Amino acid sequence: MTENTQHGVARRNHLLEAAQEEMVKFERKENEFRKKDREERAAELHLPLGEIKVH
């Protein structure tokens, strides 16, 4: 029983780590997309993005 439980915990931890890595990848892509979108909109509106601080 203990071996089964340890295997389950190890599998769960592995799945959690994989999910966390995928979330980090998604967030990175989302941030890049937003930055590119902001830059494109600023260019369309002729806004000086360098002078505006965006958080």
N, C-alpha and C. Protein backbone atom coordinates (compact mmCIF):
# COMPACT_ATOMS: atom_id res chain seq x y z
N MET A 1 0.82 -1.19 0.00
CA MET A 1 0.00 0.00 0.00
C MET A 1 0.87 1.27 0.00
N THR A 2 1.94 1.26 0.81
CA THR A 2 2.81 2.43 0.89
C THR A 2 3.45 2.70 -0.46
N GLU A 3 3.87 1.66 -1.16
CA GLU A 3 4.49 1.81 -2.48
C GLU A 3 3.50 2.43 -3.46
N ASN A 4 2.26 1.99 -3.39
CA ASN A 4 1.21 2.52 -4.25
C ASN A 4 0.99 4.01 -3.97
N THR A 5 0.97 4.37 -2.69
CA THR A 5 0.76 5.76 -2.29
C THR A 5 1.92 6.63 -2.76
N GLN A 6 3.14 6.14 -2.59
CA GLN A 6 4.32 6.90 -3.02
C GLN A 6 4.31 7.09 -4.53
N HIS A 7 3.91 6.05 -5.25
CA HIS A 7 3.84 6.15 -6.70
C HIS A 7 2.79 7.19 -7.10
N GLY A 8 1.67 7.18 -6.41
CA GLY A 8 0.60 8.15 -6.69
C GLY A 8 1.04 9.57 -6.42
N VAL A 9 1.75 9.76 -5.32
CA VAL A 9 2.24 11.10 -4.97
C VAL A 9 3.26 11.57 -6.00
N ALA A 10 4.16 10.68 -6.40
CA ALA A 10 5.18 11.04 -7.39
C ALA A 10 4.51 11.40 -8.72
N ARG A 11 3.51 10.62 -9.11
CA ARG A 11 2.79 10.89 -10.37
C ARG A 11 2.06 12.24 -10.28
N ARG A 12 1.42 12.48 -9.14
CA ARG A 12 0.70 13.74 -8.94
C ARG A 12 1.66 14.92 -9.01
N ASN A 13 2.80 14.79 -8.35
CA ASN A 13 3.80 15.87 -8.37
C ASN A 13 4.30 16.13 -9.78
N HIS A 14 4.52 15.04 -10.53
CA HIS A 14 4.97 15.19 -11.91
C HIS A 14 3.92 15.92 -12.74
N LEU A 15 2.67 15.56 -12.57
CA LEU A 15 1.59 16.21 -13.32
C LEU A 15 1.46 17.68 -12.93
N LEU A 16 1.61 17.98 -11.65
CA LEU A 16 1.54 19.37 -11.19
C LEU A 16 2.68 20.21 -11.78
N GLU A 17 3.88 19.63 -11.81
CA GLU A 17 5.02 20.34 -12.39
C GLU A 17 4.80 20.60 -13.88
N ALA A 18 4.28 19.59 -14.58
CA ALA A 18 4.02 19.75 -16.01
C ALA A 18 2.96 20.83 -16.25
N ALA A 19 1.92 20.83 -15.43
CA ALA A 19 0.87 21.84 -15.56
C ALA A 19 1.42 23.23 -15.28
N GLN A 20 2.28 23.33 -14.29
CA GLN A 20 2.88 24.62 -13.94
C GLN A 20 3.77 25.13 -15.07
N GLU A 21 4.54 24.23 -15.69
CA GLU A 21 5.39 24.62 -16.81
C GLU A 21 4.55 25.11 -17.98
N GLU A 22 3.44 24.43 -18.25
CA GLU A 22 2.55 24.85 -19.34
C GLU A 22 1.93 26.21 -19.04
N MET A 23 1.59 26.46 -17.79
CA MET A 23 1.02 27.75 -17.41
C MET A 23 2.05 28.86 -17.60
N VAL A 24 3.29 28.61 -17.25
CA VAL A 24 4.35 29.60 -17.44
C VAL A 24 4.53 29.90 -18.92
N LYS A 25 4.53 28.86 -19.76
CA LYS A 25 4.64 29.05 -21.21
C LYS A 25 3.48 29.89 -21.73
N PHE A 26 2.28 29.57 -21.28
CA PHE A 26 1.09 30.30 -21.72
C PHE A 26 1.18 31.77 -21.31
N GLU A 27 1.56 32.02 -20.06
CA GLU A 27 1.65 33.39 -19.58
C GLU A 27 2.70 34.18 -20.35
N ARG A 28 3.81 33.53 -20.68
CA ARG A 28 4.87 34.19 -21.44
C ARG A 28 4.37 34.57 -22.83
N LYS A 29 3.68 33.63 -23.49
CA LYS A 29 3.13 33.91 -24.82
C LYS A 29 2.07 35.01 -24.76
N GLU A 30 1.24 34.97 -23.73
CA GLU A 30 0.20 35.98 -23.56
C GLU A 30 0.82 37.37 -23.37
N ASN A 31 1.86 37.45 -22.56
CA ASN A 31 2.55 38.72 -22.33
C ASN A 31 3.18 39.25 -23.63
N GLU A 32 3.79 38.35 -24.41
CA GLU A 32 4.38 38.75 -25.68
C GLU A 32 3.30 39.25 -26.64
N PHE A 33 2.17 38.54 -26.67
CA PHE A 33 1.07 38.93 -27.53
C PHE A 33 0.56 40.32 -27.14
N ARG A 34 0.36 40.55 -25.84
CA ARG A 34 -0.14 41.84 -25.39
C ARG A 34 0.82 42.97 -25.71
N LYS A 35 2.11 42.70 -25.53
CA LYS A 35 3.13 43.72 -25.81
C LYS A 35 3.10 44.07 -27.31
N LYS A 36 3.05 43.04 -28.15
CA LYS A 36 3.01 43.27 -29.60
C LYS A 36 1.74 44.03 -29.98
N ASP A 37 0.62 43.64 -29.40
CA ASP A 37 -0.65 44.31 -29.68
C ASP A 37 -0.60 45.78 -29.27
N ARG A 38 -0.04 46.04 -28.08
CA ARG A 38 0.10 47.43 -27.60
C ARG A 38 0.95 48.25 -28.56
N GLU A 39 2.06 47.65 -29.00
CA GLU A 39 2.97 48.36 -29.91
C GLU A 39 2.28 48.64 -31.24
N GLU A 40 1.52 47.68 -31.75
CA GLU A 40 0.82 47.87 -33.02
C GLU A 40 -0.24 48.97 -32.89
N ARG A 41 -0.99 48.95 -31.80
CA ARG A 41 -2.01 49.99 -31.60
C ARG A 41 -1.37 51.36 -31.42
N ALA A 42 -0.24 51.41 -30.72
CA ALA A 42 0.46 52.68 -30.52
C ALA A 42 0.96 53.22 -31.86
N ALA A 43 1.45 52.33 -32.71
CA ALA A 43 1.94 52.75 -34.02
C ALA A 43 0.78 53.29 -34.86
N GLU A 44 -0.37 52.63 -34.79
CA GLU A 44 -1.54 53.09 -35.54
C GLU A 44 -2.00 54.47 -35.08
N LEU A 45 -1.88 54.71 -33.79
CA LEU A 45 -2.33 55.98 -33.22
C LEU A 45 -1.21 57.01 -33.14
N HIS A 46 -0.02 56.61 -33.59
CA HIS A 46 1.16 57.47 -33.57
C HIS A 46 1.49 57.94 -32.15
N LEU A 47 1.42 57.01 -31.22
CA LEU A 47 1.75 57.33 -29.82
C LEU A 47 3.21 56.98 -29.54
N PRO A 48 3.90 57.83 -28.76
CA PRO A 48 5.29 57.54 -28.40
C PRO A 48 5.33 56.56 -27.21
N LEU A 49 5.37 55.27 -27.49
CA LEU A 49 5.33 54.26 -26.43
C LEU A 49 6.53 54.34 -25.49
N GLY A 50 7.70 54.75 -26.00
CA GLY A 50 8.88 54.83 -25.18
C GLY A 50 8.75 55.80 -24.01
N GLU A 51 7.94 56.84 -24.21
CA GLU A 51 7.79 57.86 -23.17
C GLU A 51 6.69 57.50 -22.18
N ILE A 52 5.82 56.57 -22.54
CA ILE A 52 4.72 56.17 -21.67
C ILE A 52 5.14 54.93 -20.91
N LYS A 53 5.02 54.98 -19.60
CA LYS A 53 5.37 53.80 -18.79
C LYS A 53 4.16 52.89 -18.69
N VAL A 54 4.33 51.66 -19.20
CA VAL A 54 3.25 50.67 -19.19
C VAL A 54 3.65 49.57 -18.22
N HIS A 55 2.76 49.23 -17.33
CA HIS A 55 3.08 48.20 -16.33
C HIS A 55 2.60 46.86 -16.79
